[in-house]
């Protein structure tokens, strides 16, 4: 996914048997700042809106960055760009797998 503006974000669903997630972030050469925030998204047990919690942030680095975490199988992840004021894009790659 490409994140190009402050607040730009995307939702990713994780497979029903997968419980580990890795998020990689790679800035374009013109990018000089920005943070990729990663959130867990879970259904509200009372039927209200979904609940989100911050898992971590990947702070801008010219070489990119990485975040690995665990979540319940079938979960959802929201990846959002913040503190970004430049031109260009930050590419984020979300992968998931099953780990016992």
Protein backbone atom coordinates (compact mmCIF):
# COMPACT_ATOMS: atom_id res chain seq x y z
CA UNK A 1 0.00 0.00 0.00
CA UNK A 2 1.16 3.54 -0.67
CA UNK A 3 0.58 6.25 1.93
CA UNK A 4 0.89 9.74 0.47
CA UNK A 5 -0.77 12.26 2.79
CA UNK A 6 -0.92 12.98 6.50
CA UNK A 7 -3.71 10.81 7.93
CA UNK A 8 -3.75 8.51 4.89
CA UNK A 9 -4.47 4.96 6.04
CA UNK A 10 -5.53 1.48 4.96
CA UNK A 11 -7.16 -1.52 6.65
CA UNK A 12 -5.78 -5.05 6.19
CA UNK A 13 -7.52 -8.28 7.26
CA UNK A 14 -5.39 -11.13 8.57
CA UNK A 15 -6.09 -14.75 7.60
CA UNK A 16 -8.27 -16.90 9.90
CA UNK A 17 -5.34 -19.16 10.90
CA UNK A 18 -2.62 -16.48 11.08
CA UNK A 19 -1.49 -14.86 14.32
CA UNK A 20 1.77 -13.01 13.53
CA UNK A 21 2.05 -9.79 11.53
CA UNK A 22 4.99 -7.88 10.09
CA UNK A 23 4.72 -4.32 8.77
CA UNK A 24 7.57 -2.92 6.65
CA UNK A 25 7.75 0.77 5.73
CA UNK A 26 9.89 2.20 2.92
CA UNK A 27 10.00 5.95 2.13
CA UNK A 28 10.49 7.37 -1.35
CA UNK A 29 13.74 9.39 -1.81
CA UNK A 30 11.88 12.74 -1.61
CA UNK A 31 10.34 11.90 1.79
CA UNK A 32 12.14 13.40 4.79
CA UNK A 33 9.70 12.78 7.65
CA UNK A 34 6.71 10.75 8.68
CA UNK A 35 5.61 8.03 11.03
CA UNK A 36 3.70 4.90 10.10
CA UNK A 37 1.34 4.08 12.97
CA UNK A 38 0.01 0.52 13.22
CA UNK A 39 -3.25 -0.24 15.06
CA UNK A 40 -5.11 -3.44 15.98
CA UNK A 41 -8.79 -3.25 15.09
CA UNK A 42 -11.25 -5.42 17.01
CA UNK A 43 -15.02 -5.67 17.00
CA UNK A 44 -16.79 -4.19 19.99
CA UNK A 45 -18.43 -7.07 21.91
CA UNK A 46 -21.46 -4.85 22.60
CA UNK A 47 -22.03 -4.32 18.88
CA UNK A 48 -20.81 -0.70 18.78
CA UNK A 49 -18.00 0.69 16.64
CA UNK A 50 -14.74 -1.19 16.26
CA UNK A 51 -12.09 -0.69 18.92
CA UNK A 52 -8.57 0.31 17.90
CA UNK A 53 -5.36 0.16 19.88
CA UNK A 54 -1.92 1.36 18.85
CA UNK A 55 0.51 -1.55 18.43
CA UNK A 56 3.50 0.60 17.55
CA UNK A 57 5.00 3.21 15.26
CA UNK A 58 7.65 2.99 12.58
CA UNK A 59 9.48 6.31 12.73
CA UNK A 60 10.91 7.68 9.50
CA UNK A 61 14.26 6.18 8.53
CA UNK A 62 15.89 6.52 5.11
CA UNK A 63 16.48 2.74 5.16
CA UNK A 64 12.90 1.93 6.12
CA UNK A 65 11.66 0.25 9.27
CA UNK A 66 9.86 -2.82 10.56
CA UNK A 67 7.38 -3.85 13.25
CA UNK A 68 6.45 -7.45 14.17
CA UNK A 69 3.65 -8.34 16.57
CA UNK A 70 1.05 -10.95 17.47
CA UNK A 71 -2.72 -10.67 17.28
CA UNK A 72 -5.69 -13.06 17.37
CA UNK A 73 -6.29 -15.07 14.17
CA UNK A 74 -8.58 -13.33 11.73
CA UNK A 75 -7.81 -9.89 13.17
CA UNK A 76 -7.54 -6.61 11.32
CA UNK A 77 -4.71 -4.09 11.15
CA UNK A 78 -5.00 -0.39 10.30
CA UNK A 79 -1.85 1.29 8.96
CA UNK A 80 -1.82 5.11 8.99
CA UNK A 81 0.69 7.80 8.02
CA UNK A 82 1.15 10.67 10.47
CA UNK A 83 3.56 13.57 11.09
CA UNK A 84 4.05 13.77 7.34
CA UNK A 85 4.45 17.05 5.52
CA UNK A 86 6.41 16.28 2.38
CA UNK A 87 5.85 15.05 -1.14
CA UNK A 88 6.23 11.49 -2.31
CA UNK A 89 4.92 8.31 -0.77
CA UNK A 90 5.77 5.88 1.97
CA UNK A 91 5.15 2.28 0.95
CA UNK A 92 3.97 -0.13 3.64
CA UNK A 93 3.91 -3.89 3.24
CA UNK A 94 1.83 -6.02 5.63
CA UNK A 95 2.47 -9.77 5.79
CA UNK A 96 1.05 -12.37 8.15
CA UNK A 97 1.66 -16.01 9.02
CA UNK A 98 0.79 -18.72 11.50
CA UNK A 99 3.21 -19.30 14.35
CA UNK A 100 2.52 -21.89 17.01
